[in-house]
Amino acid sequence: MVTLVTGANGFVGMAIARRVLDTGQQLRCLVRPDEIATSALRQLGSPDQLEIVGADITDRDAVDAACADIDRVFHAAAMVHAAQPLEEYRRVNVEGTRNVAEAAFLRGIDRFVHISTSDVFGLPDAGETFTETSPLRGWGEPYPDSKIEAETWLWRFHRERGLPLSVVYPGWVYGPGDKAFFPALADSIRDGSMSFWCRDCWLPWVHVDNLADACLLVARHPDALGQGFLAYDDDRGPTLQEVCGKIAEAIGCPPPKRHIPYTLAFLVAWMSQKIRSDPTLRTVDVKAFGYVWRFSNEKLRALGWHPTIPVEEGIDQAIQALFAESPRPSKA
């Protein structure tokens, strides 16, 4: 069996790639052409088991060539954090997804596992708990809205053409190797700009290795065909402020405690987006950290998945990795 992982140089894609190699299967990793020479993937396996292919998922011909002789796909490539307009997010997250799905379908693959996001279910009403049957609701933001559009197309392709589709909806992914989320929190704590606008903001934390395990289970389980699964560790994880307190301790800074009104945070983000090409705070972040999120992962657990890394242990792992990269400042 030959497995294709798109976005394999990314945080989630690389974790999936490691798990696939652990099973002894042949792995083809799709990365951007400019990432081939520097790819850390080469350290994961020998050339006889691991192939790295450079292709932009928006290039239909390149994607088609990369899909030759594959049996299974984990589609993790996506534009997530870039300060880009909706049209650019659509080009990557919608059109790129179409290119990969159509090329893989023509190869007669056994399973197409799409790595979506829990964001597709929208912003919660008070007390709302999201499940896989919750309707998809837009945010008015490029990333979640483009992911909704891509997923809507995928499910239609599944129904009308028979794409062997399974979807995984990760919560907030964390763990060693994170280059975006925890480092950004640490930077905000260091420069004193970290603020909170939702008390007791709880996020559906999912350790990247637990997520990879979920993706591989979904790919091989017959009952996962044509189904979607929310993936997060458990309902008892720390709040965002508690995590920031732990990060602050690790990097030798005082814990952030500033609380501001949601409307003020949103106004600052909106103004920052208007006047800066790379704003330090975006409206999507204000929305993401402005609610107490509640989900159910009962469906994934019923399939046989259980997180091997408990959330408290996983948070400590992620912070230790961050501390290794950003040691405490020396004292005079």
C-alpha atoms as a PDB file:
ATOM      1  CA  MET A   1       0.000   0.000   0.000  1.00  0.00           C
ATOM      2  CA  VAL A   2       1.217   3.491  -0.902  1.00  0.00           C
ATOM      3  CA  THR A   3      -0.086   6.333   1.262  1.00  0.00           C
ATOM      4  CA  LEU A   4       0.013   9.970   0.179  1.00  0.00           C
ATOM      5  CA  VAL A   5       0.167  12.703   2.826  1.00  0.00           C
ATOM      6  CA  THR A   6      -0.322  16.250   1.585  1.00  0.00           C
ATOM      7  CA  GLY A   7       1.048  19.101   3.643  1.00  0.00           C
ATOM      8  CA  ALA A   8       3.557  16.621   5.048  1.00  0.00           C
ATOM      9  CA  ASN A   9       5.992  19.342   6.112  1.00  0.00           C
ATOM     10  CA  GLY A  10       3.345  20.864   8.358  1.00  0.00           C
ATOM     11  CA  PHE A  11       2.713  20.208  12.037  1.00  0.00           C
ATOM     12  CA  VAL A  12      -0.185  17.777  11.545  1.00  0.00           C
ATOM     13  CA  GLY A  13       1.001  16.326   8.243  1.00  0.00           C
ATOM     14  CA  MET A  14       4.390  15.366   9.663  1.00  0.00           C
ATOM     15  CA  ALA A  15       2.793  13.650  12.666  1.00  0.00           C
ATOM     16  CA  ILE A  16       0.620  11.591  10.311  1.00  0.00           C
ATOM     17  CA  ALA A  17       3.679  10.792   8.186  1.00  0.00           C
ATOM     18  CA  ARG A  18       5.521   9.463  11.241  1.00  0.00           C
ATOM     19  CA  ARG A  19       2.587   7.232  12.148  1.00  0.00           C
ATOM     20  CA  VAL A  20       2.307   5.861   8.597  1.00  0.00           C
ATOM     21  CA  LEU A  21       6.011   5.019   8.564  1.00  0.00           C
ATOM     22  CA  ASP A  22       5.626   3.298  11.942  1.00  0.00           C
ATOM     23  CA  THR A  23       3.191   0.864  10.295  1.00  0.00           C
ATOM     24  CA  GLY A  24       5.834  -0.111   7.743  1.00  0.00           C
ATOM     25  CA  GLN A  25       3.833   1.154   4.761  1.00  0.00           C
ATOM     26  CA  GLN A  26       5.178   2.993   1.744  1.00  0.00           C
ATOM     27  CA  LEU A  27       4.782   6.738   2.160  1.00  0.00           C
ATOM     28  CA  ARG A  28       4.726   9.527  -0.399  1.00  0.00           C
ATOM     29  CA  CYS A  29       4.901  13.017   1.088  1.00  0.00           C
ATOM     30  CA  LEU A  30       3.634  15.976  -0.879  1.00  0.00           C
ATOM     31  CA  VAL A  31       5.345  19.257   0.008  1.00  0.00           C
ATOM     32  CA  ARG A  32       5.661  22.612  -1.679  1.00  0.00           C
ATOM     33  CA  PRO A  33       8.396  22.636  -4.342  1.00  0.00           C
ATOM     34  CA  ASP A  34      10.459  25.162  -2.371  1.00  0.00           C
ATOM     35  CA  GLU A  35      10.437  22.868   0.689  1.00  0.00           C
ATOM     36  CA  ILE A  36      12.049  19.757  -0.824  1.00  0.00           C
ATOM     37  CA  ALA A  37      15.672  20.671  -0.142  1.00  0.00           C
ATOM     38  CA  THR A  38      15.089  21.609   3.500  1.00  0.00           C
ATOM     39  CA  SER A  39      12.429  19.058   4.405  1.00  0.00           C
ATOM     40  CA  ALA A  40      12.871  17.489   7.851  1.00  0.00           C
ATOM     41  CA  LEU A  41      10.870  14.550   6.537  1.00  0.00           C
ATOM     42  CA  ARG A  42      14.062  12.962   5.208  1.00  0.00           C
ATOM     43  CA  GLN A  43      15.025  12.126   8.781  1.00  0.00           C
ATOM     44  CA  LEU A  44      11.875  10.055   9.300  1.00  0.00           C
ATOM     45  CA  GLY A  45      12.590   7.112   7.008  1.00  0.00           C
ATOM     46  CA  SER A  46      14.835   5.519   4.434  1.00  0.00           C
ATOM     47  CA  PRO A  47      14.476   6.277   0.700  1.00  0.00           C
ATOM     48  CA  ASP A  48      13.115   2.778   0.045  1.00  0.00           C
ATOM     49  CA  GLN A  49      10.077   3.535   2.248  1.00  0.00           C
ATOM     50  CA  LEU A  50       9.770   7.313   1.989  1.00  0.00           C
ATOM     51  CA  GLU A  51       9.360   9.403  -1.145  1.00  0.00           C
ATOM     52  CA  ILE A  52       9.171  13.205  -1.044  1.00  0.00           C
ATOM     53  CA  VAL A  53       7.476  14.942  -3.963  1.00  0.00           C
ATOM     54  CA  GLY A  54       7.394  18.675  -4.555  1.00  0.00           C
ATOM     55  CA  ALA A  55       4.068  19.939  -5.906  1.00  0.00           C
ATOM     56  CA  ASP A  56       1.754  22.853  -5.270  1.00  0.00           C
ATOM     57  CA  ILE A  57      -1.746  21.501  -4.666  1.00  0.00           C
ATOM     58  CA  THR A  58      -3.119  24.330  -6.804  1.00  0.00           C
ATOM     59  CA  ASP A  59      -1.219  22.861  -9.792  1.00  0.00           C
ATOM     60  CA  ARG A  60      -3.594  20.219 -11.158  1.00  0.00           C
ATOM     61  CA  ASP A  61      -1.022  18.515 -13.409  1.00  0.00           C
ATOM     62  CA  ALA A  62       1.581  18.305 -10.643  1.00  0.00           C
ATOM     63  CA  VAL A  63      -0.976  16.870  -8.231  1.00  0.00           C
ATOM     64  CA  ASP A  64      -2.115  14.319 -10.775  1.00  0.00           C
ATOM     65  CA  ALA A  65       1.466  13.120 -11.241  1.00  0.00           C
ATOM     66  CA  ALA A  66       1.978  12.932  -7.462  1.00  0.00           C
ATOM     67  CA  CYS A  67      -1.098  10.695  -7.122  1.00  0.00           C
ATOM     68  CA  ALA A  68       0.222   7.959  -9.428  1.00  0.00           C
ATOM     69  CA  ASP A  69      -0.132   4.481  -7.919  1.00  0.00           C
ATOM     70  CA  ILE A  70      -1.414   5.622  -4.527  1.00  0.00           C
ATOM     71  CA  ASP A  71      -3.924   3.685  -2.430  1.00  0.00           C
ATOM     72  CA  ARG A  72      -4.828   6.121   0.320  1.00  0.00           C
ATOM     73  CA  VAL A  73      -4.681   9.872   1.008  1.00  0.00           C
ATOM     74  CA  PHE A  74      -4.396  11.985   4.128  1.00  0.00           C
ATOM     75  CA  HIS A  75      -5.134  15.515   2.960  1.00  0.00           C
ATOM     76  CA  ALA A  76      -3.561  17.833   5.540  1.00  0.00           C
ATOM     77  CA  ALA A  77      -2.378  20.639   3.262  1.00  0.00           C
ATOM     78  CA  ALA A  78      -4.146  23.924   3.941  1.00  0.00           C
ATOM     79  CA  MET A  79      -3.635  27.634   4.310  1.00  0.00           C
ATOM     80  CA  VAL A  80      -4.280  28.362   8.001  1.00  0.00           C
ATOM     81  CA  HIS A  81      -2.482  31.359   9.486  1.00  0.00           C
ATOM     82  CA  ALA A  82      -1.554  33.540   6.518  1.00  0.00           C
ATOM     83  CA  ALA A  83      -2.651  37.167   6.362  1.00  0.00           C
ATOM     84  CA  GLN A  84      -4.235  36.680   2.939  1.00  0.00           C
ATOM     85  CA  PRO A  85      -7.617  37.542   1.403  1.00  0.00           C
ATOM     86  CA  LEU A  86     -10.434  35.030   1.070  1.00  0.00           C
ATOM     87  CA  GLU A  87      -9.623  34.492  -2.617  1.00  0.00           C
ATOM     88  CA  GLU A  88      -6.165  33.139  -1.744  1.00  0.00           C
ATOM     89  CA  TYR A  89      -7.573  30.878   0.971  1.00  0.00           C
ATOM     90  CA  ARG A  90     -10.117  29.574  -1.537  1.00  0.00           C
ATOM     91  CA  ARG A  91      -7.401  28.929  -4.113  1.00  0.00           C
ATOM     92  CA  VAL A  92      -5.505  26.680  -1.677  1.00  0.00           C
ATOM     93  CA  ASN A  93      -8.186  25.239   0.602  1.00  0.00           C
ATOM     94  CA  VAL A  94     -10.978  24.796  -1.931  1.00  0.00           C
ATOM     95  CA  GLU A  95      -9.424  24.475  -5.378  1.00  0.00           C
ATOM     96  CA  GLY A  96      -6.370  22.667  -4.014  1.00  0.00           C
ATOM     97  CA  THR A  97      -8.583  20.179  -2.197  1.00  0.00           C
ATOM     98  CA  ARG A  98     -10.559  19.579  -5.377  1.00  0.00           C
ATOM     99  CA  ASN A  99      -7.363  18.890  -7.308  1.00  0.00           C
ATOM    100  CA  VAL A 100      -6.153  16.316  -4.782  1.00  0.00           C
ATOM    101  CA  ALA A 101      -9.541  14.615  -4.380  1.00  0.00           C
ATOM    102  CA  GLU A 102     -10.238  14.343  -8.102  1.00  0.00           C
ATOM    103  CA  ALA A 103      -6.759  13.056  -8.929  1.00  0.00           C
ATOM    104  CA  ALA A 104      -6.891  10.509  -6.093  1.00  0.00           C
ATOM    105  CA  PHE A 105     -10.390   9.381  -7.055  1.00  0.00           C
ATOM    106  CA  LEU A 106      -9.274   8.644 -10.614  1.00  0.00           C
ATOM    107  CA  ARG A 107      -6.550   6.398  -9.170  1.00  0.00           C
ATOM    108  CA  GLY A 108      -9.145   4.243  -7.429  1.00  0.00           C
ATOM    109  CA  ILE A 109      -7.999   4.928  -3.874  1.00  0.00           C
ATOM    110  CA  ASP A 110      -9.388   3.008  -0.889  1.00  0.00           C
ATOM    111  CA  ARG A 111      -9.830   6.032   1.407  1.00  0.00           C
ATOM    112  CA  PHE A 112      -9.536   9.808   1.303  1.00  0.00           C
ATOM    113  CA  VAL A 113      -9.116  11.223   4.809  1.00  0.00           C
ATOM    114  CA  HIS A 114      -9.691  14.962   4.862  1.00  0.00           C
ATOM    115  CA  ILE A 115      -8.217  16.868   7.812  1.00  0.00           C
ATOM    116  CA  SER A 116     -10.833  19.540   8.392  1.00  0.00           C
ATOM    117  CA  THR A 117     -11.260  21.679  11.526  1.00  0.00           C
ATOM    118  CA  SER A 118     -13.790  21.956  14.330  1.00  0.00           C
ATOM    119  CA  ASP A 119     -14.145  25.589  13.214  1.00  0.00           C
ATOM    120  CA  VAL A 120     -16.516  24.500  10.433  1.00  0.00           C
ATOM    121  CA  PHE A 121     -19.361  24.190  12.952  1.00  0.00           C
ATOM    122  CA  GLY A 122     -19.308  27.911  13.611  1.00  0.00           C
ATOM    123  CA  LEU A 123     -19.296  30.054  16.734  1.00  0.00           C
ATOM    124  CA  PRO A 124     -21.255  28.545  19.646  1.00  0.00           C
ATOM    125  CA  ASP A 125     -24.481  29.834  21.103  1.00  0.00           C
ATOM    126  CA  ALA A 126     -24.569  29.931  24.881  1.00  0.00           C
ATOM    127  CA  GLY A 127     -24.380  26.384  26.267  1.00  0.00           C
ATOM    128  CA  GLU A 128     -24.203  24.772  22.812  1.00  0.00           C
ATOM    129  CA  THR A 129     -22.342  21.481  22.374  1.00  0.00           C
ATOM    130  CA  PHE A 130     -21.156  20.667  18.868  1.00  0.00           C
ATOM    131  CA  THR A 131     -21.360  17.168  17.389  1.00  0.00           C
ATOM    132  CA  GLU A 132     -20.661  15.826  13.919  1.00  0.00           C
ATOM    133  CA  THR A 133     -24.321  16.428  13.020  1.00  0.00           C
ATOM    134  CA  SER A 134     -24.172  20.133  13.860  1.00  0.00           C
ATOM    135  CA  PRO A 135     -24.726  22.318  10.789  1.00  0.00           C
ATOM    136  CA  LEU A 136     -21.749  24.008   9.157  1.00  0.00           C
ATOM    137  CA  ARG A 137     -21.801  27.727   9.951  1.00  0.00           C
ATOM    138  CA  GLY A 138     -19.496  30.429   8.647  1.00  0.00           C
ATOM    139  CA  TRP A 139     -17.421  32.812  10.721  1.00  0.00           C
ATOM    140  CA  GLY A 140     -17.041  35.607   8.201  1.00  0.00           C
ATOM    141  CA  GLU A 141     -13.306  34.725   8.215  1.00  0.00           C
ATOM    142  CA  PRO A 142     -11.176  33.312   5.357  1.00  0.00           C
ATOM    143  CA  TYR A 143      -9.851  30.145   7.005  1.00  0.00           C
ATOM    144  CA  PRO A 144     -12.983  28.544   8.476  1.00  0.00           C
ATOM    145  CA  ASP A 145     -15.198  29.733   5.637  1.00  0.00           C
ATOM    146  CA  SER A 146     -12.898  28.297   2.965  1.00  0.00           C
ATOM    147  CA  LYS A 147     -12.702  25.010   4.886  1.00  0.00           C
ATOM    148  CA  ILE A 148     -16.513  24.883   4.955  1.00  0.00           C
ATOM    149  CA  GLU A 149     -16.636  25.405   1.205  1.00  0.00           C
ATOM    150  CA  ALA A 150     -14.064  22.665   0.607  1.00  0.00           C
ATOM    151  CA  GLU A 151     -15.871  20.212   2.845  1.00  0.00           C
ATOM    152  CA  THR A 152     -19.249  20.939   1.285  1.00  0.00           C
ATOM    153  CA  TRP A 153     -17.764  20.097  -2.107  1.00  0.00           C
ATOM    154  CA  LEU A 154     -16.105  16.915  -0.780  1.00  0.00           C
ATOM    155  CA  TRP A 155     -19.336  15.536   0.673  1.00  0.00           C
ATOM    156  CA  ARG A 156     -21.116  16.250  -2.604  1.00  0.00           C
ATOM    157  CA  PHE A 157     -18.336  14.476  -4.511  1.00  0.00           C
ATOM    158  CA  HIS A 158     -18.714  11.551  -2.093  1.00  0.00           C
ATOM    159  CA  ARG A 159     -22.469  11.329  -2.652  1.00  0.00           C
ATOM    160  CA  GLU A 160     -22.478  11.866  -6.403  1.00  0.00           C
ATOM    161  CA  ARG A 161     -19.278  10.131  -7.522  1.00  0.00           C
ATOM    162  CA  GLY A 162     -18.415   7.765  -4.682  1.00  0.00           C
ATOM    163  CA  LEU A 163     -15.232   9.320  -3.289  1.00  0.00           C
ATOM    164  CA  PRO A 164     -14.331   7.036  -0.317  1.00  0.00           C
ATOM    165  CA  LEU A 165     -14.325   9.955   2.095  1.00  0.00           C
ATOM    166  CA  SER A 166     -13.774  10.236   5.834  1.00  0.00           C
ATOM    167  CA  VAL A 167     -13.359  13.572   7.626  1.00  0.00           C
ATOM    168  CA  VAL A 168     -11.573  14.386  10.875  1.00  0.00           C
ATOM    169  CA  TYR A 169     -12.403  17.617  12.724  1.00  0.00           C
ATOM    170  CA  PRO A 170      -9.479  18.474  15.032  1.00  0.00           C
ATOM    171  CA  GLY A 171      -9.835  20.855  17.921  1.00  0.00           C
ATOM    172  CA  TRP A 172      -6.882  23.063  18.911  1.00  0.00           C
ATOM    173  CA  VAL A 173      -3.808  21.066  17.938  1.00  0.00           C
ATOM    174  CA  TYR A 174      -0.780  21.327  20.226  1.00  0.00           C
ATOM    175  CA  GLY A 175       2.357  19.378  21.053  1.00  0.00           C
ATOM    176  CA  PRO A 176       6.104  19.248  20.358  1.00  0.00           C
ATOM    177  CA  GLY A 177       6.888  20.585  16.907  1.00  0.00           C
ATOM    178  CA  ASP A 178       4.255  23.345  17.018  1.00  0.00           C
ATOM    179  CA  LYS A 179       5.687  26.379  15.223  1.00  0.00           C
ATOM    180  CA  ALA A 180       2.620  28.601  15.427  1.00  0.00           C
ATOM    181  CA  PHE A 181       0.181  28.392  18.353  1.00  0.00           C
ATOM    182  CA  PHE A 182       2.273  28.011  21.528  1.00  0.00           C
ATOM    183  CA  PRO A 183       5.171  30.090  20.134  1.00  0.00           C
ATOM    184  CA  ALA A 184       2.738  32.918  19.360  1.00  0.00           C
ATOM    185  CA  LEU A 185       1.343  32.738  22.888  1.00  0.00           C
ATOM    186  CA  ALA A 186       4.880  32.817  24.276  1.00  0.00           C
ATOM    187  CA  ASP A 187       5.769  35.871  22.181  1.00  0.00           C
ATOM    188  CA  SER A 188       2.684  37.729  23.418  1.00  0.00           C
ATOM    189  CA  ILE A 189       3.524  36.830  27.018  1.00  0.00           C
ATOM    190  CA  ARG A 190       7.115  38.026  26.606  1.00  0.00           C
ATOM    191  CA  ASP A 191       6.213  41.384  25.110  1.00  0.00           C
ATOM    192  CA  GLY A 192       3.396  41.967  27.591  1.00  0.00           C
ATOM    193  CA  SER A 193       0.632  42.169  25.000  1.00  0.00           C
ATOM    194  CA  MET A 194      -1.224  39.006  26.050  1.00  0.00           C
ATOM    195  CA  SER A 195      -4.794  39.747  27.079  1.00  0.00           C
ATOM    196  CA  PHE A 196      -7.969  37.752  27.606  1.00  0.00           C
ATOM    197  CA  TRP A 197     -11.502  38.702  26.616  1.00  0.00           C
ATOM    198  CA  CYS A 198     -13.382  35.575  27.689  1.00  0.00           C
ATOM    199  CA  ARG A 199     -13.102  34.316  31.237  1.00  0.00           C
ATOM    200  CA  ASP A 200     -12.736  30.546  31.516  1.00  0.00           C
ATOM    201  CA  CYS A 201     -12.068  30.224  27.783  1.00  0.00           C
ATOM    202  CA  TRP A 202     -11.773  26.458  27.316  1.00  0.00           C
ATOM    203  CA  LEU A 203     -10.488  25.071  24.019  1.00  0.00           C
ATOM    204  CA  PRO A 204     -10.862  21.511  22.680  1.00  0.00           C
ATOM    205  CA  TRP A 205      -7.172  20.601  22.998  1.00  0.00           C
ATOM    206  CA  VAL A 206      -5.888  17.709  20.875  1.00  0.00           C
ATOM    207  CA  HIS A 207      -2.297  16.516  21.067  1.00  0.00           C
ATOM    208  CA  VAL A 208      -0.835  16.166  17.582  1.00  0.00           C
ATOM    209  CA  ASP A 209       0.084  12.494  18.166  1.00  0.00           C
ATOM    210  CA  ASN A 210      -3.409  11.693  19.456  1.00  0.00           C
ATOM    211  CA  LEU A 211      -4.772  13.353  16.324  1.00  0.00           C
ATOM    212  CA  ALA A 212      -2.468  11.304  14.093  1.00  0.00           C
ATOM    213  CA  ASP A 213      -3.672   8.124  15.795  1.00  0.00           C
ATOM    214  CA  ALA A 214      -7.266   9.185  15.143  1.00  0.00           C
ATOM    215  CA  CYS A 215      -6.544   9.829  11.468  1.00  0.00           C
ATOM    216  CA  LEU A 216      -4.968   6.406  10.945  1.00  0.00           C
ATOM    217  CA  LEU A 217      -7.845   4.698  12.740  1.00  0.00           C
ATOM    218  CA  VAL A 218     -10.392   6.510  10.590  1.00  0.00           C
ATOM    219  CA  ALA A 219      -8.449   5.566   7.460  1.00  0.00           C
ATOM    220  CA  ARG A 220      -8.571   1.833   8.137  1.00  0.00           C
ATOM    221  CA  HIS A 221     -11.880   1.339   9.952  1.00  0.00           C
ATOM    222  CA  PRO A 222     -14.734   0.224   7.676  1.00  0.00           C
ATOM    223  CA  ASP A 223     -17.325   2.016   9.814  1.00  0.00           C
ATOM    224  CA  ALA A 224     -15.543   5.339   9.254  1.00  0.00           C
ATOM    225  CA  LEU A 225     -16.292   5.398   5.531  1.00  0.00           C
ATOM    226  CA  GLY A 226     -18.601   8.290   4.704  1.00  0.00           C
ATOM    227  CA  GLN A 227     -18.385   9.656   8.251  1.00  0.00           C
ATOM    228  CA  GLY A 228     -16.905  12.617  10.086  1.00  0.00           C
ATOM    229  CA  PHE A 229     -15.280  12.584  13.530  1.00  0.00           C
ATOM    230  CA  LEU A 230     -14.516  15.316  16.043  1.00  0.00           C
ATOM    231  CA  ALA A 231     -11.088  14.805  17.616  1.00  0.00           C
ATOM    232  CA  TYR A 232      -9.940  16.298  20.907  1.00  0.00           C
ATOM    233  CA  ASP A 233      -8.358  14.851  24.038  1.00  0.00           C
ATOM    234  CA  ASP A 234     -11.047  15.246  26.713  1.00  0.00           C
ATOM    235  CA  ASP A 235     -13.364  17.713  28.426  1.00  0.00           C
ATOM    236  CA  ARG A 236     -11.165  18.366  31.448  1.00  0.00           C
ATOM    237  CA  GLY A 237      -8.261  20.280  29.975  1.00  0.00           C
ATOM    238  CA  PRO A 238      -6.962  23.624  31.215  1.00  0.00           C
ATOM    239  CA  THR A 239      -8.340  27.000  30.205  1.00  0.00           C
ATOM    240  CA  LEU A 240      -6.404  29.251  27.860  1.00  0.00           C
ATOM    241  CA  GLN A 241      -5.352  31.452  30.775  1.00  0.00           C
ATOM    242  CA  GLU A 242      -4.092  28.437  32.717  1.00  0.00           C
ATOM    243  CA  VAL A 243      -2.017  27.313  29.737  1.00  0.00           C
ATOM    244  CA  CYS A 244      -0.600  30.814  29.346  1.00  0.00           C
ATOM    245  CA  GLY A 245       0.318  30.781  33.022  1.00  0.00           C
ATOM    246  CA  LYS A 246       2.289  27.567  32.502  1.00  0.00           C
ATOM    247  CA  ILE A 247       4.015  28.974  29.419  1.00  0.00           C
ATOM    248  CA  ALA A 248       4.906  32.140  31.339  1.00  0.00           C
ATOM    249  CA  GLU A 249       6.485  30.124  34.121  1.00  0.00           C
ATOM    250  CA  ALA A 250       8.513  28.079  31.616  1.00  0.00           C
ATOM    251  CA  ILE A 251       9.934  31.146  29.849  1.00  0.00           C
ATOM    252  CA  GLY A 252      10.519  33.113  33.061  1.00  0.00           C
ATOM    253  CA  CYS A 253       7.807  35.745  32.696  1.00  0.00           C
ATOM    254  CA  PRO A 254       4.979  36.824  34.999  1.00  0.00           C
ATOM    255  CA  PRO A 255       1.658  35.138  34.177  1.00  0.00           C
ATOM    256  CA  PRO A 256      -0.647  37.301  32.041  1.00  0.00           C
ATOM    257  CA  LYS A 257      -3.785  38.413  33.853  1.00  0.00           C
ATOM    258  CA  ARG A 258      -5.121  41.352  31.843  1.00  0.00           C
ATOM    259  CA  HIS A 259      -8.807  41.055  30.902  1.00  0.00           C
ATOM    260  CA  ILE A 260     -10.436  43.394  28.409  1.00  0.00           C
ATOM    261  CA  PRO A 261     -13.959  43.506  26.935  1.00  0.00           C
ATOM    262  CA  TYR A 262     -14.586  41.361  23.873  1.00  0.00           C
ATOM    263  CA  THR A 263     -15.775  44.390  21.902  1.00  0.00           C
ATOM    264  CA  LEU A 264     -12.529  46.259  22.620  1.00  0.00           C
ATOM    265  CA  ALA A 265     -10.425  43.279  21.535  1.00  0.00           C
ATOM    266  CA  PHE A 266     -12.446  42.971  18.348  1.00  0.00           C
ATOM    267  CA  LEU A 267     -12.082  46.695  17.577  1.00  0.00           C
ATOM    268  CA  VAL A 268      -8.309  46.554  18.098  1.00  0.00           C
ATOM    269  CA  ALA A 269      -8.052  43.535  15.797  1.00  0.00           C
ATOM    270  CA  TRP A 270     -10.259  45.108  13.144  1.00  0.00           C
ATOM    271  CA  MET A 271      -8.202  48.311  13.160  1.00  0.00           C
ATOM    272  CA  SER A 272      -4.941  46.349  13.097  1.00  0.00           C
ATOM    273  CA  GLN A 273      -6.097  44.455  10.006  1.00  0.00           C
ATOM    274  CA  LYS A 274      -6.969  47.733   8.302  1.00  0.00           C
ATOM    275  CA  ILE A 275      -3.601  49.408   8.817  1.00  0.00           C
ATOM    276  CA  ARG A 276      -1.117  46.504   8.870  1.00  0.00           C
ATOM    277  CA  SER A 277      -0.327  43.846   6.284  1.00  0.00           C
ATOM    278  CA  ASP A 278       0.569  41.382   9.058  1.00  0.00           C
ATOM    279  CA  PRO A 279      -1.545  42.347  12.078  1.00  0.00           C
ATOM    280  CA  THR A 280      -0.502  41.192  15.532  1.00  0.00           C
ATOM    281  CA  LEU A 281      -4.139  40.495  16.434  1.00  0.00           C
ATOM    282  CA  ARG A 282      -6.803  39.376  13.976  1.00  0.00           C
ATOM    283  CA  THR A 283     -10.563  39.232  14.272  1.00  0.00           C
ATOM    284  CA  VAL A 284     -10.476  35.458  13.756  1.00  0.00           C
ATOM    285  CA  ASP A 285      -8.308  35.158  16.877  1.00  0.00           C
ATOM    286  CA  VAL A 286     -10.689  37.307  18.896  1.00  0.00           C
ATOM    287  CA  LYS A 287     -13.568  35.068  17.885  1.00  0.00           C
ATOM    288  CA  ALA A 288     -11.602  31.857  18.521  1.00  0.00           C
ATOM    289  CA  PHE A 289     -10.585  32.905  22.040  1.00  0.00           C
ATOM    290  CA  GLY A 290     -13.875  34.585  22.845  1.00  0.00           C
ATOM    291  CA  TYR A 291     -16.042  31.587  23.708  1.00  0.00           C
ATOM    292  CA  VAL A 292     -16.275  28.580  25.982  1.00  0.00           C
ATOM    293  CA  TRP A 293     -16.199  25.749  23.453  1.00  0.00           C
ATOM    294  CA  ARG A 294     -18.035  22.477  24.012  1.00  0.00           C
ATOM    295  CA  PHE A 295     -17.799  19.438  21.735  1.00  0.00           C
ATOM    296  CA  SER A 296     -18.528  15.718  21.880  1.00  0.00           C
ATOM    297  CA  ASN A 297     -15.988  13.120  20.749  1.00  0.00           C
ATOM    298  CA  GLU A 298     -18.185  10.139  21.633  1.00  0.00           C
ATOM    299  CA  LYS A 299     -18.393   9.068  17.995  1.00  0.00           C
ATOM    300  CA  LEU A 300     -14.610   8.777  17.622  1.00  0.00           C
ATOM    301  CA  ARG A 301     -14.293   6.969  20.952  1.00  0.00           C
ATOM    302  CA  ALA A 302     -16.998   4.508  19.861  1.00  0.00           C
ATOM    303  CA  LEU A 303     -14.817   3.716  16.850  1.00  0.00           C
ATOM    304  CA  GLY A 304     -12.095   2.593  19.253  1.00  0.00           C
ATOM    305  CA  TRP A 305      -9.968   5.724  19.662  1.00  0.00           C
ATOM    306  CA  HIS A 306      -8.633   6.779  23.025  1.00  0.00           C
ATOM    307  CA  PRO A 307      -5.971   9.453  23.491  1.00  0.00           C
ATOM    308  CA  THR A 308      -2.705   7.850  24.556  1.00  0.00           C
ATOM    309  CA  ILE A 309      -1.338  11.181  25.783  1.00  0.00           C
ATOM    310  CA  PRO A 310      -3.550  12.805  28.479  1.00  0.00           C
ATOM    311  CA  VAL A 311      -4.115  16.513  27.975  1.00  0.00           C
ATOM    312  CA  GLU A 312      -2.209  17.664  31.080  1.00  0.00           C
ATOM    313  CA  GLU A 313       0.791  15.515  30.118  1.00  0.00           C
ATOM    314  CA  GLY A 314       0.553  16.725  26.541  1.00  0.00           C
ATOM    315  CA  ILE A 315       0.459  20.394  27.559  1.00  0.00           C
ATOM    316  CA  ASP A 316       3.565  19.815  29.690  1.00  0.00           C
ATOM    317  CA  GLN A 317       5.289  18.148  26.712  1.00  0.00           C
ATOM    318  CA  ALA A 318       4.467  21.088  24.454  1.00  0.00           C
ATOM    319  CA  ILE A 319       5.731  23.609  26.993  1.00  0.00           C
ATOM    320  CA  GLN A 320       8.935  21.660  27.596  1.00  0.00           C
ATOM    321  CA  ALA A 321       9.560  21.672  23.844  1.00  0.00           C
ATOM    322  CA  LEU A 322       8.898  25.407  23.782  1.00  0.00           C
ATOM    323  CA  PHE A 323      11.209  25.916  26.751  1.00  0.00           C
ATOM    324  CA  ALA A 324      13.958  23.996  24.988  1.00  0.00           C
ATOM    325  CA  GLU A 325      13.711  26.428  22.062  1.00  0.00           C
ATOM    326  CA  SER A 326      13.208  29.544  24.232  1.00  0.00           C
ATOM    327  CA  PRO A 327      15.134  29.148  27.483  1.00  0.00           C
ATOM    328  CA  ARG A 328      14.524  31.263  30.536  1.00  0.00           C
ATOM    329  CA  PRO A 329      16.273  34.639  30.415  1.00  0.00           C
ATOM    330  CA  SER A 330      19.441  34.663  32.531  1.00  0.00           C
ATOM    331  CA  LYS A 331      19.326  36.707  35.713  1.00  0.00           C
ATOM    332  CA  ALA A 332      21.991  39.264  36.517  1.00  0.00           C
END
